[in-house]
N, C-alpha and C. Protein backbone atom coordinates (compact mmCIF):
# COMPACT_ATOMS: atom_id res chain seq x y z
N ALA A 1 11.73 -10.41 17.39
CA ALA A 1 11.38 -11.55 16.57
C ALA A 1 12.31 -12.71 16.89
N ARG A 2 11.81 -13.92 16.78
CA ARG A 2 12.60 -15.11 17.03
C ARG A 2 13.41 -15.43 15.78
N THR A 3 14.63 -14.89 15.72
CA THR A 3 15.45 -15.11 14.53
C THR A 3 15.88 -16.56 14.39
N ASP A 4 15.86 -17.32 15.49
CA ASP A 4 16.25 -18.73 15.39
C ASP A 4 15.23 -19.55 14.62
N LEU A 5 14.04 -18.99 14.40
CA LEU A 5 13.01 -19.70 13.65
C LEU A 5 12.99 -19.32 12.17
N LEU A 6 13.90 -18.39 11.78
CA LEU A 6 13.94 -17.92 10.42
C LEU A 6 15.20 -18.38 9.72
N SER A 7 15.10 -18.56 8.41
CA SER A 7 16.28 -18.89 7.63
C SER A 7 17.19 -17.68 7.51
N THR A 8 18.43 -17.90 7.14
CA THR A 8 19.37 -16.80 6.97
C THR A 8 18.86 -15.82 5.92
N GLN A 9 18.30 -16.34 4.83
CA GLN A 9 17.77 -15.48 3.78
C GLN A 9 16.60 -14.65 4.29
N ALA A 10 15.71 -15.27 5.08
CA ALA A 10 14.55 -14.56 5.60
C ALA A 10 14.97 -13.45 6.56
N ILE A 11 15.99 -13.72 7.36
CA ILE A 11 16.49 -12.70 8.29
C ILE A 11 17.08 -11.52 7.51
N ALA A 12 17.86 -11.83 6.48
CA ALA A 12 18.47 -10.77 5.67
C ALA A 12 17.41 -9.94 4.97
N GLU A 13 16.37 -10.59 4.47
CA GLU A 13 15.32 -9.87 3.77
C GLU A 13 14.53 -9.00 4.74
N ALA A 14 14.25 -9.51 5.94
CA ALA A 14 13.52 -8.72 6.93
C ALA A 14 14.33 -7.50 7.35
N ALA A 15 15.65 -7.68 7.50
CA ALA A 15 16.50 -6.55 7.86
C ALA A 15 16.52 -5.50 6.75
N GLU A 16 16.52 -5.95 5.49
CA GLU A 16 16.51 -5.02 4.36
C GLU A 16 15.22 -4.22 4.34
N VAL A 17 14.09 -4.89 4.56
CA VAL A 17 12.80 -4.20 4.54
C VAL A 17 12.73 -3.17 5.66
N LEU A 18 13.18 -3.56 6.87
CA LEU A 18 13.13 -2.64 8.00
C LEU A 18 14.04 -1.43 7.77
N GLY A 19 15.23 -1.68 7.23
CA GLY A 19 16.15 -0.59 6.93
C GLY A 19 15.61 0.34 5.87
N TRP A 20 14.96 -0.22 4.86
CA TRP A 20 14.37 0.58 3.79
C TRP A 20 13.22 1.43 4.32
N GLU A 21 12.40 0.84 5.18
CA GLU A 21 11.28 1.59 5.76
C GLU A 21 11.81 2.75 6.60
N ALA A 22 12.87 2.51 7.37
CA ALA A 22 13.45 3.58 8.18
C ALA A 22 13.97 4.71 7.29
N THR A 23 14.61 4.36 6.18
CA THR A 23 15.13 5.37 5.25
C THR A 23 14.00 6.24 4.71
N LEU A 24 12.89 5.61 4.32
CA LEU A 24 11.76 6.36 3.78
C LEU A 24 11.12 7.26 4.83
N LEU A 25 10.90 6.72 6.04
CA LEU A 25 10.23 7.51 7.06
C LEU A 25 11.08 8.69 7.52
N HIS A 26 12.40 8.57 7.40
CA HIS A 26 13.27 9.68 7.77
C HIS A 26 13.02 10.89 6.86
N ARG A 27 12.68 10.65 5.58
CA ARG A 27 12.54 11.76 4.64
C ARG A 27 11.10 12.08 4.27
N LEU A 28 10.16 11.20 4.60
CA LEU A 28 8.76 11.44 4.25
C LEU A 28 8.00 11.92 5.48
N LYS A 29 7.55 13.14 5.45
CA LYS A 29 6.80 13.72 6.57
C LYS A 29 5.37 14.00 6.13
N HIS A 30 4.43 13.24 6.71
CA HIS A 30 3.03 13.41 6.35
C HIS A 30 2.17 12.96 7.53
N PRO A 31 1.05 13.63 7.79
CA PRO A 31 0.20 13.25 8.93
C PRO A 31 -0.31 11.82 8.89
N ALA A 32 -0.36 11.22 7.69
CA ALA A 32 -0.86 9.86 7.57
C ALA A 32 0.25 8.82 7.62
N LEU A 33 1.46 9.25 7.98
CA LEU A 33 2.58 8.34 8.17
C LEU A 33 3.11 8.50 9.58
N PRO A 34 3.55 7.41 10.23
CA PRO A 34 4.12 7.55 11.58
C PRO A 34 5.46 8.28 11.53
N ARG A 35 5.74 9.05 12.56
CA ARG A 35 7.04 9.72 12.66
C ARG A 35 8.07 8.73 13.18
N ILE A 36 9.25 8.77 12.62
CA ILE A 36 10.31 7.91 13.09
C ILE A 36 11.16 8.68 14.10
N MET A 37 11.50 8.03 15.20
CA MET A 37 12.30 8.66 16.25
C MET A 37 13.79 8.35 16.09
N ARG A 38 14.08 7.07 16.01
CA ARG A 38 15.47 6.64 15.83
C ARG A 38 15.49 5.33 15.05
N SER A 39 16.59 5.07 14.40
CA SER A 39 16.77 3.79 13.71
C SER A 39 18.25 3.45 13.72
N SER A 40 18.55 2.17 13.53
CA SER A 40 19.95 1.74 13.53
C SER A 40 20.11 0.51 12.66
N ASN A 41 21.24 0.45 12.02
CA ASN A 41 21.63 -0.73 11.25
C ASN A 41 23.12 -0.95 11.52
N ASP A 42 23.41 -1.40 12.72
CA ASP A 42 24.79 -1.49 13.19
C ASP A 42 25.07 -2.86 13.78
N GLY A 43 26.14 -3.45 13.34
CA GLY A 43 26.54 -4.74 13.89
C GLY A 43 25.56 -5.86 13.63
N GLY A 44 24.84 -5.77 12.53
CA GLY A 44 23.89 -6.82 12.19
C GLY A 44 22.55 -6.67 12.87
N LEU A 45 22.40 -5.66 13.75
CA LEU A 45 21.13 -5.42 14.43
C LEU A 45 20.42 -4.24 13.77
N VAL A 46 19.24 -4.51 13.22
CA VAL A 46 18.46 -3.48 12.54
C VAL A 46 17.19 -3.23 13.34
N TRP A 47 16.94 -1.96 13.66
CA TRP A 47 15.73 -1.63 14.39
C TRP A 47 15.33 -0.19 14.10
N LEU A 48 14.05 0.11 14.38
CA LEU A 48 13.59 1.49 14.28
C LEU A 48 12.56 1.74 15.37
N ALA A 49 12.54 2.95 15.87
CA ALA A 49 11.56 3.39 16.87
C ALA A 49 10.72 4.48 16.23
N ARG A 50 9.41 4.32 16.27
CA ARG A 50 8.52 5.29 15.64
C ARG A 50 7.30 5.51 16.52
N ASP A 51 6.45 6.44 16.10
CA ASP A 51 5.23 6.74 16.84
C ASP A 51 4.40 5.50 17.11
N LEU A 52 3.82 5.43 18.32
CA LEU A 52 2.79 4.44 18.59
C LEU A 52 1.46 5.05 18.15
N ILE A 53 0.85 4.49 17.14
CA ILE A 53 -0.40 5.01 16.61
C ILE A 53 -1.56 4.33 17.33
N GLU A 54 -2.28 5.11 18.13
CA GLU A 54 -3.42 4.57 18.86
C GLU A 54 -4.67 4.66 18.00
N GLY A 55 -5.41 3.58 17.99
CA GLY A 55 -6.62 3.54 17.19
C GLY A 55 -6.99 2.11 16.84
N ARG A 56 -7.75 1.97 15.81
CA ARG A 56 -8.27 0.66 15.39
C ARG A 56 -8.04 0.49 13.90
N SER A 57 -7.51 -0.66 13.52
CA SER A 57 -7.26 -0.89 12.10
C SER A 57 -8.59 -1.10 11.38
N LEU A 58 -8.53 -0.99 10.06
CA LEU A 58 -9.73 -1.20 9.24
C LEU A 58 -10.02 -2.68 9.02
N LEU A 59 -9.09 -3.54 9.44
CA LEU A 59 -9.26 -4.97 9.24
C LEU A 59 -10.48 -5.48 10.01
N GLY A 60 -11.31 -6.25 9.31
CA GLY A 60 -12.47 -6.85 9.95
C GLY A 60 -13.64 -5.92 10.18
N ARG A 61 -13.63 -4.75 9.53
CA ARG A 61 -14.70 -3.77 9.76
C ARG A 61 -15.65 -3.64 8.58
N ALA A 62 -15.57 -4.57 7.65
CA ALA A 62 -16.49 -4.56 6.51
C ALA A 62 -17.73 -5.39 6.85
N PRO A 63 -18.89 -5.05 6.24
CA PRO A 63 -19.10 -3.97 5.26
C PRO A 63 -19.40 -2.64 5.94
N GLN A 64 -19.17 -1.57 5.18
CA GLN A 64 -19.41 -0.21 5.65
C GLN A 64 -20.24 0.54 4.60
N PRO A 65 -20.96 1.57 5.02
CA PRO A 65 -21.75 2.37 4.05
C PRO A 65 -20.85 3.18 3.13
N GLU A 66 -21.40 3.63 2.03
CA GLU A 66 -20.64 4.35 1.01
C GLU A 66 -19.96 5.60 1.56
N ASP A 67 -20.66 6.36 2.39
CA ASP A 67 -20.08 7.62 2.84
C ASP A 67 -18.85 7.39 3.71
N VAL A 68 -18.85 6.33 4.50
CA VAL A 68 -17.69 6.00 5.34
C VAL A 68 -16.50 5.60 4.46
N VAL A 69 -16.76 4.70 3.52
CA VAL A 69 -15.68 4.23 2.64
C VAL A 69 -15.16 5.37 1.77
N ARG A 70 -16.03 6.24 1.32
CA ARG A 70 -15.60 7.38 0.52
C ARG A 70 -14.64 8.26 1.34
N GLY A 71 -14.96 8.50 2.60
CA GLY A 71 -14.09 9.29 3.45
C GLY A 71 -12.73 8.66 3.63
N TRP A 72 -12.70 7.35 3.85
CA TRP A 72 -11.42 6.65 3.98
C TRP A 72 -10.63 6.74 2.67
N ALA A 73 -11.31 6.52 1.56
CA ALA A 73 -10.64 6.54 0.26
C ALA A 73 -10.01 7.90 -0.02
N VAL A 74 -10.72 8.97 0.31
CA VAL A 74 -10.18 10.31 0.09
C VAL A 74 -8.90 10.51 0.90
N GLN A 75 -8.88 10.03 2.13
CA GLN A 75 -7.68 10.17 2.96
C GLN A 75 -6.50 9.40 2.37
N VAL A 76 -6.76 8.17 1.92
CA VAL A 76 -5.68 7.38 1.34
C VAL A 76 -5.19 8.02 0.04
N LEU A 77 -6.10 8.55 -0.75
CA LEU A 77 -5.71 9.22 -1.99
C LEU A 77 -4.85 10.45 -1.71
N GLU A 78 -5.15 11.16 -0.64
CA GLU A 78 -4.32 12.31 -0.27
C GLU A 78 -2.89 11.86 0.04
N LEU A 79 -2.77 10.76 0.76
CA LEU A 79 -1.44 10.23 1.06
C LEU A 79 -0.74 9.74 -0.20
N LEU A 80 -1.47 9.03 -1.06
CA LEU A 80 -0.86 8.52 -2.29
C LEU A 80 -0.41 9.67 -3.19
N ARG A 81 -1.19 10.73 -3.23
CA ARG A 81 -0.78 11.90 -4.03
C ARG A 81 0.56 12.44 -3.51
N PHE A 82 0.68 12.53 -2.18
CA PHE A 82 1.94 12.98 -1.58
C PHE A 82 3.09 12.06 -1.96
N LEU A 83 2.89 10.75 -1.84
CA LEU A 83 3.95 9.79 -2.15
C LEU A 83 4.30 9.80 -3.64
N HIS A 84 3.28 9.84 -4.48
CA HIS A 84 3.50 9.76 -5.92
C HIS A 84 4.14 11.02 -6.49
N LEU A 85 4.03 12.14 -5.77
CA LEU A 85 4.63 13.39 -6.23
C LEU A 85 6.02 13.62 -5.66
N GLN A 86 6.54 12.64 -4.93
CA GLN A 86 7.92 12.74 -4.49
C GLN A 86 8.85 12.61 -5.70
N GLU A 87 10.10 13.01 -5.53
CA GLU A 87 11.09 12.87 -6.60
C GLU A 87 12.27 12.04 -6.09
N PRO A 88 12.37 10.77 -6.50
CA PRO A 88 11.46 10.05 -7.42
C PRO A 88 10.17 9.64 -6.70
N PRO A 89 9.11 9.34 -7.48
CA PRO A 89 7.84 8.92 -6.89
C PRO A 89 7.99 7.66 -6.03
N VAL A 90 7.24 7.61 -4.95
CA VAL A 90 7.25 6.45 -4.06
C VAL A 90 5.96 5.66 -4.28
N ILE A 91 6.10 4.38 -4.60
CA ILE A 91 4.96 3.49 -4.77
C ILE A 91 4.80 2.71 -3.47
N CYS A 92 3.66 2.83 -2.81
CA CYS A 92 3.47 2.23 -1.49
C CYS A 92 3.61 0.71 -1.52
N GLY A 93 2.88 0.07 -2.41
CA GLY A 93 3.04 -1.37 -2.60
C GLY A 93 2.24 -2.28 -1.71
N ASP A 94 1.57 -1.76 -0.65
CA ASP A 94 0.82 -2.67 0.22
C ASP A 94 -0.32 -1.95 0.94
N ILE A 95 -1.20 -1.34 0.16
CA ILE A 95 -2.41 -0.72 0.72
C ILE A 95 -3.40 -1.83 1.04
N LYS A 96 -3.82 -1.92 2.30
CA LYS A 96 -4.82 -2.92 2.72
C LYS A 96 -5.36 -2.51 4.09
N PRO A 97 -6.52 -3.01 4.48
CA PRO A 97 -7.13 -2.61 5.75
C PRO A 97 -6.23 -2.83 6.96
N ALA A 98 -5.47 -3.92 6.99
CA ALA A 98 -4.65 -4.22 8.15
C ALA A 98 -3.54 -3.20 8.37
N ASN A 99 -3.14 -2.48 7.32
CA ASN A 99 -2.06 -1.51 7.43
C ASN A 99 -2.54 -0.09 7.71
N LEU A 100 -3.85 0.09 7.84
CA LEU A 100 -4.41 1.41 8.06
C LEU A 100 -5.09 1.47 9.43
N ILE A 101 -4.64 2.41 10.25
CA ILE A 101 -5.19 2.61 11.58
C ILE A 101 -6.05 3.87 11.59
N GLU A 102 -7.28 3.76 12.07
CA GLU A 102 -8.14 4.93 12.23
C GLU A 102 -8.01 5.44 13.65
N GLN A 103 -7.57 6.68 13.80
CA GLN A 103 -7.42 7.29 15.11
C GLN A 103 -8.77 7.79 15.63
N SER A 104 -8.79 8.21 16.88
CA SER A 104 -10.03 8.66 17.49
C SER A 104 -10.62 9.89 16.80
N ASN A 105 -9.77 10.66 16.12
CA ASN A 105 -10.25 11.85 15.39
C ASN A 105 -10.70 11.52 13.98
N GLY A 106 -10.69 10.23 13.62
CA GLY A 106 -11.15 9.81 12.30
C GLY A 106 -10.08 9.80 11.23
N ARG A 107 -8.89 10.25 11.57
CA ARG A 107 -7.80 10.29 10.59
C ARG A 107 -7.12 8.93 10.49
N LEU A 108 -6.77 8.55 9.25
CA LEU A 108 -6.09 7.28 9.00
C LEU A 108 -4.58 7.48 9.00
N VAL A 109 -3.87 6.45 9.46
CA VAL A 109 -2.41 6.43 9.39
C VAL A 109 -1.98 5.10 8.77
N LEU A 110 -1.12 5.17 7.77
CA LEU A 110 -0.57 3.97 7.14
C LEU A 110 0.66 3.55 7.94
N VAL A 111 0.60 2.40 8.60
CA VAL A 111 1.63 2.04 9.56
C VAL A 111 2.70 1.11 9.00
N ASP A 112 2.62 0.76 7.72
CA ASP A 112 3.62 -0.14 7.14
C ASP A 112 3.91 0.28 5.70
N ILE A 113 5.14 0.74 5.45
CA ILE A 113 5.54 1.07 4.07
C ILE A 113 6.79 0.28 3.68
N GLY A 114 7.00 -0.85 4.34
CA GLY A 114 8.17 -1.67 4.04
C GLY A 114 8.18 -2.25 2.64
N ALA A 115 7.00 -2.27 1.99
CA ALA A 115 6.92 -2.81 0.63
C ALA A 115 7.11 -1.74 -0.44
N ALA A 116 7.35 -0.50 -0.01
CA ALA A 116 7.42 0.62 -0.97
C ALA A 116 8.60 0.49 -1.93
N HIS A 117 8.38 1.04 -3.13
CA HIS A 117 9.42 1.14 -4.15
C HIS A 117 9.51 2.60 -4.61
N THR A 118 10.63 2.95 -5.21
CA THR A 118 10.73 4.27 -5.83
C THR A 118 10.88 4.10 -7.33
N ARG A 119 10.18 4.95 -8.09
CA ARG A 119 10.26 4.91 -9.56
C ARG A 119 11.40 5.79 -10.01
N THR A 120 12.30 5.23 -10.80
CA THR A 120 13.48 5.97 -11.24
C THR A 120 13.55 6.04 -12.75
N ARG A 121 14.39 6.94 -13.24
CA ARG A 121 14.53 7.11 -14.69
C ARG A 121 15.34 5.98 -15.32
N ARG A 122 16.15 5.32 -14.52
CA ARG A 122 16.99 4.23 -15.03
C ARG A 122 16.63 2.94 -14.30
N PRO A 123 16.80 1.79 -14.95
CA PRO A 123 16.56 0.53 -14.26
C PRO A 123 17.48 0.41 -13.05
N ALA A 124 16.95 -0.10 -11.95
CA ALA A 124 17.76 -0.26 -10.75
C ALA A 124 18.84 -1.31 -10.95
N ARG A 125 20.01 -1.06 -10.37
CA ARG A 125 21.09 -2.06 -10.46
C ARG A 125 20.73 -3.32 -9.68
N THR A 126 20.07 -3.12 -8.52
CA THR A 126 19.62 -4.25 -7.71
C THR A 126 18.14 -4.08 -7.41
N GLN A 127 17.33 -5.00 -7.90
CA GLN A 127 15.89 -4.90 -7.68
C GLN A 127 15.55 -5.30 -6.25
N ARG A 128 14.68 -4.49 -5.59
CA ARG A 128 14.18 -4.86 -4.28
C ARG A 128 13.14 -5.96 -4.43
N PRO A 129 13.02 -6.83 -3.40
CA PRO A 129 11.97 -7.84 -3.45
C PRO A 129 10.60 -7.19 -3.58
N ARG A 130 9.71 -7.82 -4.31
CA ARG A 130 8.38 -7.27 -4.51
C ARG A 130 7.44 -7.83 -3.45
N HIS A 131 7.32 -7.11 -2.37
CA HIS A 131 6.39 -7.53 -1.33
C HIS A 131 5.00 -7.01 -1.67
N GLY A 132 4.04 -7.74 -1.29
CA GLY A 132 2.66 -7.35 -1.52
C GLY A 132 1.77 -8.46 -0.99
N THR A 133 0.50 -8.16 -0.83
CA THR A 133 -0.42 -9.15 -0.26
C THR A 133 -1.33 -9.68 -1.36
N PRO A 134 -1.23 -10.98 -1.68
CA PRO A 134 -2.12 -11.55 -2.69
C PRO A 134 -3.58 -11.24 -2.33
N GLY A 135 -4.31 -10.80 -3.32
CA GLY A 135 -5.68 -10.39 -3.10
C GLY A 135 -5.81 -8.88 -3.20
N TYR A 136 -4.82 -8.18 -2.68
CA TYR A 136 -4.78 -6.72 -2.76
C TYR A 136 -3.78 -6.25 -3.82
N ALA A 137 -2.71 -7.00 -4.01
CA ALA A 137 -1.67 -6.60 -4.96
C ALA A 137 -2.16 -6.70 -6.39
N ALA A 138 -1.76 -5.72 -7.20
CA ALA A 138 -2.13 -5.71 -8.62
C ALA A 138 -1.41 -6.83 -9.37
N PRO A 139 -1.94 -7.24 -10.52
CA PRO A 139 -1.30 -8.32 -11.29
C PRO A 139 0.16 -8.05 -11.60
N GLU A 140 0.48 -6.79 -11.97
CA GLU A 140 1.87 -6.48 -12.32
C GLU A 140 2.80 -6.56 -11.12
N GLN A 141 2.27 -6.37 -9.91
CA GLN A 141 3.12 -6.45 -8.72
C GLN A 141 3.49 -7.89 -8.41
N MET A 142 2.58 -8.80 -8.69
CA MET A 142 2.85 -10.22 -8.43
C MET A 142 3.59 -10.88 -9.59
N GLY A 143 3.72 -10.17 -10.72
CA GLY A 143 4.43 -10.71 -11.86
C GLY A 143 5.75 -10.00 -12.07
N ASP A 144 6.20 -9.93 -13.29
CA ASP A 144 7.50 -9.34 -13.62
C ASP A 144 7.39 -8.02 -14.35
N TRP A 145 6.20 -7.38 -14.32
CA TRP A 145 6.02 -6.14 -15.05
C TRP A 145 6.42 -4.95 -14.19
N ALA A 146 6.63 -3.83 -14.81
CA ALA A 146 7.03 -2.62 -14.09
C ALA A 146 5.89 -2.11 -13.22
N LEU A 147 6.24 -1.62 -12.03
CA LEU A 147 5.26 -1.03 -11.13
C LEU A 147 5.15 0.47 -11.39
N ASP A 148 3.98 1.02 -11.18
CA ASP A 148 3.84 2.46 -11.17
C ASP A 148 2.67 2.82 -10.27
N GLU A 149 2.22 4.08 -10.31
CA GLU A 149 1.17 4.55 -9.42
C GLU A 149 -0.11 3.74 -9.52
N ARG A 150 -0.36 3.17 -10.67
CA ARG A 150 -1.59 2.40 -10.87
C ARG A 150 -1.66 1.17 -9.97
N SER A 151 -0.52 0.67 -9.55
CA SER A 151 -0.51 -0.48 -8.64
C SER A 151 -1.12 -0.11 -7.30
N ASP A 152 -0.82 1.09 -6.81
CA ASP A 152 -1.41 1.55 -5.55
C ASP A 152 -2.90 1.82 -5.71
N LEU A 153 -3.29 2.37 -6.85
CA LEU A 153 -4.70 2.65 -7.08
C LEU A 153 -5.51 1.36 -7.15
N PHE A 154 -4.92 0.31 -7.70
CA PHE A 154 -5.59 -1.00 -7.73
C PHE A 154 -5.82 -1.49 -6.31
N ALA A 155 -4.78 -1.45 -5.47
CA ALA A 155 -4.90 -1.92 -4.09
C ALA A 155 -5.95 -1.12 -3.32
N LEU A 156 -5.98 0.19 -3.54
CA LEU A 156 -6.99 1.02 -2.88
C LEU A 156 -8.40 0.63 -3.35
N ALA A 157 -8.55 0.38 -4.63
CA ALA A 157 -9.85 -0.03 -5.16
C ALA A 157 -10.28 -1.37 -4.55
N VAL A 158 -9.33 -2.30 -4.41
CA VAL A 158 -9.66 -3.60 -3.79
C VAL A 158 -10.10 -3.39 -2.35
N MET A 159 -9.38 -2.53 -1.63
CA MET A 159 -9.75 -2.27 -0.24
C MET A 159 -11.16 -1.70 -0.16
N CYS A 160 -11.48 -0.75 -1.02
CA CYS A 160 -12.82 -0.17 -1.04
C CYS A 160 -13.87 -1.22 -1.37
N TYR A 161 -13.56 -2.07 -2.35
CA TYR A 161 -14.45 -3.18 -2.72
C TYR A 161 -14.75 -4.04 -1.51
N GLU A 162 -13.71 -4.40 -0.76
CA GLU A 162 -13.89 -5.24 0.43
C GLU A 162 -14.72 -4.53 1.49
N MET A 163 -14.40 -3.26 1.76
CA MET A 163 -15.08 -2.54 2.81
C MET A 163 -16.55 -2.30 2.49
N LEU A 164 -16.90 -2.27 1.21
CA LEU A 164 -18.29 -2.06 0.79
C LEU A 164 -19.08 -3.36 0.73
N THR A 165 -18.46 -4.42 0.20
CA THR A 165 -19.19 -5.67 -0.03
C THR A 165 -19.07 -6.66 1.12
N GLY A 166 -18.01 -6.54 1.91
CA GLY A 166 -17.76 -7.52 2.96
C GLY A 166 -17.10 -8.78 2.44
N ILE A 167 -16.68 -8.79 1.18
CA ILE A 167 -16.05 -9.96 0.57
C ILE A 167 -14.53 -9.87 0.75
N ASP A 168 -13.93 -10.88 1.34
CA ASP A 168 -12.48 -10.92 1.55
C ASP A 168 -11.79 -11.21 0.22
N PRO A 169 -11.00 -10.27 -0.32
CA PRO A 169 -10.37 -10.48 -1.63
C PRO A 169 -9.25 -11.51 -1.62
N THR A 170 -8.78 -11.89 -0.46
CA THR A 170 -7.67 -12.86 -0.40
C THR A 170 -8.16 -14.28 -0.66
N THR A 171 -9.48 -14.50 -0.57
CA THR A 171 -10.00 -15.85 -0.79
C THR A 171 -10.00 -16.22 -2.28
N ALA A 172 -10.09 -15.23 -3.15
CA ALA A 172 -10.07 -15.45 -4.59
C ALA A 172 -9.41 -14.24 -5.25
N PRO A 173 -8.08 -14.15 -5.19
CA PRO A 173 -7.38 -12.98 -5.72
C PRO A 173 -7.74 -12.66 -7.16
N LEU A 174 -7.93 -11.37 -7.42
CA LEU A 174 -8.19 -10.82 -8.76
C LEU A 174 -9.56 -11.22 -9.31
N GLN A 175 -10.44 -11.72 -8.44
CA GLN A 175 -11.80 -12.04 -8.86
C GLN A 175 -12.77 -11.20 -8.02
N PHE A 176 -13.66 -10.49 -8.69
CA PHE A 176 -14.52 -9.55 -7.99
C PHE A 176 -15.98 -9.74 -8.38
N ASP A 177 -16.86 -9.66 -7.38
CA ASP A 177 -18.29 -9.74 -7.62
C ASP A 177 -18.78 -8.32 -7.90
N LEU A 178 -18.70 -7.91 -9.15
CA LEU A 178 -19.03 -6.55 -9.53
C LEU A 178 -20.54 -6.28 -9.47
N ILE A 179 -21.33 -7.32 -9.62
CA ILE A 179 -22.79 -7.15 -9.51
C ILE A 179 -23.15 -6.76 -8.07
N ARG A 180 -22.51 -7.43 -7.11
CA ARG A 180 -22.76 -7.08 -5.70
C ARG A 180 -22.23 -5.68 -5.42
N LEU A 181 -21.07 -5.34 -5.96
CA LEU A 181 -20.51 -4.00 -5.76
C LEU A 181 -21.48 -2.94 -6.26
N ASP A 182 -22.03 -3.14 -7.45
CA ASP A 182 -22.98 -2.19 -8.02
C ASP A 182 -24.21 -2.04 -7.13
N ALA A 183 -24.63 -3.16 -6.50
CA ALA A 183 -25.84 -3.15 -5.69
C ALA A 183 -25.65 -2.40 -4.38
N VAL A 184 -24.49 -2.59 -3.74
CA VAL A 184 -24.28 -1.98 -2.41
C VAL A 184 -23.68 -0.59 -2.49
N ALA A 185 -23.08 -0.24 -3.64
CA ALA A 185 -22.42 1.06 -3.75
C ALA A 185 -22.64 1.66 -5.14
N PRO A 186 -23.87 1.99 -5.49
CA PRO A 186 -24.14 2.48 -6.83
C PRO A 186 -23.40 3.77 -7.18
N THR A 187 -23.09 4.59 -6.19
CA THR A 187 -22.39 5.85 -6.47
C THR A 187 -20.90 5.63 -6.67
N LEU A 188 -20.29 4.80 -5.83
CA LEU A 188 -18.83 4.60 -5.88
C LEU A 188 -18.41 3.51 -6.87
N ALA A 189 -19.33 2.61 -7.20
CA ALA A 189 -18.96 1.45 -8.02
C ALA A 189 -18.26 1.80 -9.33
N PRO A 190 -18.73 2.78 -10.11
CA PRO A 190 -18.05 3.07 -11.38
C PRO A 190 -16.58 3.46 -11.19
N THR A 191 -16.28 4.26 -10.18
CA THR A 191 -14.89 4.66 -9.94
C THR A 191 -14.06 3.48 -9.47
N ILE A 192 -14.64 2.65 -8.59
CA ILE A 192 -13.90 1.50 -8.08
C ILE A 192 -13.64 0.50 -9.20
N ARG A 193 -14.61 0.31 -10.09
CA ARG A 193 -14.40 -0.56 -11.25
C ARG A 193 -13.20 -0.09 -12.08
N TRP A 194 -13.06 1.21 -12.22
CA TRP A 194 -11.94 1.77 -12.97
C TRP A 194 -10.62 1.38 -12.31
N GLY A 195 -10.58 1.47 -10.98
CA GLY A 195 -9.36 1.11 -10.26
C GLY A 195 -9.08 -0.38 -10.27
N LEU A 196 -10.11 -1.20 -10.42
CA LEU A 196 -9.94 -2.66 -10.38
C LEU A 196 -9.54 -3.26 -11.72
N ALA A 197 -9.41 -2.45 -12.75
CA ALA A 197 -9.07 -2.98 -14.08
C ALA A 197 -7.76 -3.76 -14.03
N LEU A 198 -7.77 -4.99 -14.50
CA LEU A 198 -6.55 -5.80 -14.52
C LEU A 198 -5.58 -5.32 -15.58
N ASP A 199 -6.10 -4.74 -16.64
CA ASP A 199 -5.28 -4.20 -17.72
C ASP A 199 -4.80 -2.81 -17.32
N LEU A 200 -3.48 -2.63 -17.24
CA LEU A 200 -2.91 -1.35 -16.84
C LEU A 200 -3.41 -0.20 -17.69
N GLN A 201 -3.58 -0.43 -18.98
CA GLN A 201 -3.98 0.64 -19.89
C GLN A 201 -5.41 1.12 -19.66
N ARG A 202 -6.19 0.35 -18.91
CA ARG A 202 -7.58 0.73 -18.66
C ARG A 202 -7.77 1.20 -17.22
N ARG A 203 -6.68 1.28 -16.46
CA ARG A 203 -6.77 1.66 -15.05
C ARG A 203 -6.42 3.13 -14.87
N ALA A 204 -6.94 3.74 -13.81
CA ALA A 204 -6.62 5.13 -13.48
C ALA A 204 -5.12 5.32 -13.38
N PHE A 205 -4.63 6.51 -13.76
CA PHE A 205 -3.19 6.73 -13.80
C PHE A 205 -2.87 8.20 -13.53
N ILE A 206 -1.76 8.42 -12.79
CA ILE A 206 -1.23 9.77 -12.56
C ILE A 206 0.09 9.85 -13.32
N VAL A 207 0.22 10.80 -14.20
CA VAL A 207 1.40 10.89 -15.06
C VAL A 207 2.54 11.63 -14.36
N HIS A 208 3.75 11.07 -14.44
CA HIS A 208 4.96 11.73 -13.94
C HIS A 208 6.01 11.64 -15.05
N ASP A 209 6.35 12.72 -15.67
CA ASP A 209 7.26 12.71 -16.80
C ASP A 209 8.65 12.19 -16.43
N GLY A 210 9.18 11.34 -17.29
CA GLY A 210 10.57 10.92 -17.15
C GLY A 210 10.80 9.75 -16.24
N CYS A 211 9.77 9.23 -15.59
CA CYS A 211 9.94 8.11 -14.67
C CYS A 211 9.14 6.93 -15.20
N ASP A 212 9.82 5.83 -15.46
CA ASP A 212 9.10 4.73 -16.05
C ASP A 212 9.49 3.36 -15.50
N THR A 213 10.28 3.32 -14.46
CA THR A 213 10.63 2.03 -13.84
C THR A 213 10.59 2.17 -12.34
N ALA A 214 10.61 1.01 -11.66
CA ALA A 214 10.60 1.02 -10.20
C ALA A 214 11.75 0.23 -9.64
N GLU A 215 12.27 0.65 -8.50
CA GLU A 215 13.34 -0.10 -7.85
C GLU A 215 13.01 -0.33 -6.39
């Protein structure tokens, strides 16, 4: 990267994100995550070497039929279940088509977890920056509310909405054409509507006892 084009703050933040991603990949082993080979944070130089994932991202591949999107959703949910059941739970924070690569065998790999947070029993002493992509990120992620598993489920629902309808959610964040969704995906629409709820209390949720904040 051309560090001469970045501010000192931007460089520091990028180094923090890369270092955090390396830390997570060192301990998280899952077929839908790239394997990390080596990483370093020495002398101000931060880098990581990981698997080269061959395939095609989901970006720009909408619209798709229900059965295809259902298959992708199931794979992402399997990964989220793995992440959310870690101790402490890991919140991905940036589920979107551009971050998912489909390999030749049809399996998806999430190639970017730099926005991830961990949910802890105590408030973090230093809060990590809340990275996320407007349009896919849940309202609480873009605001000052606590993150939990429901934030990832919202992003997954938005991705499914986009892949089914062909509507880019970044053009009008948090606004959804639910009538079109019902028309193109009558089977999946009710579940996706549940995930798209702006109100946390009305959105799908996985319970983890004793964890109520994110860092």
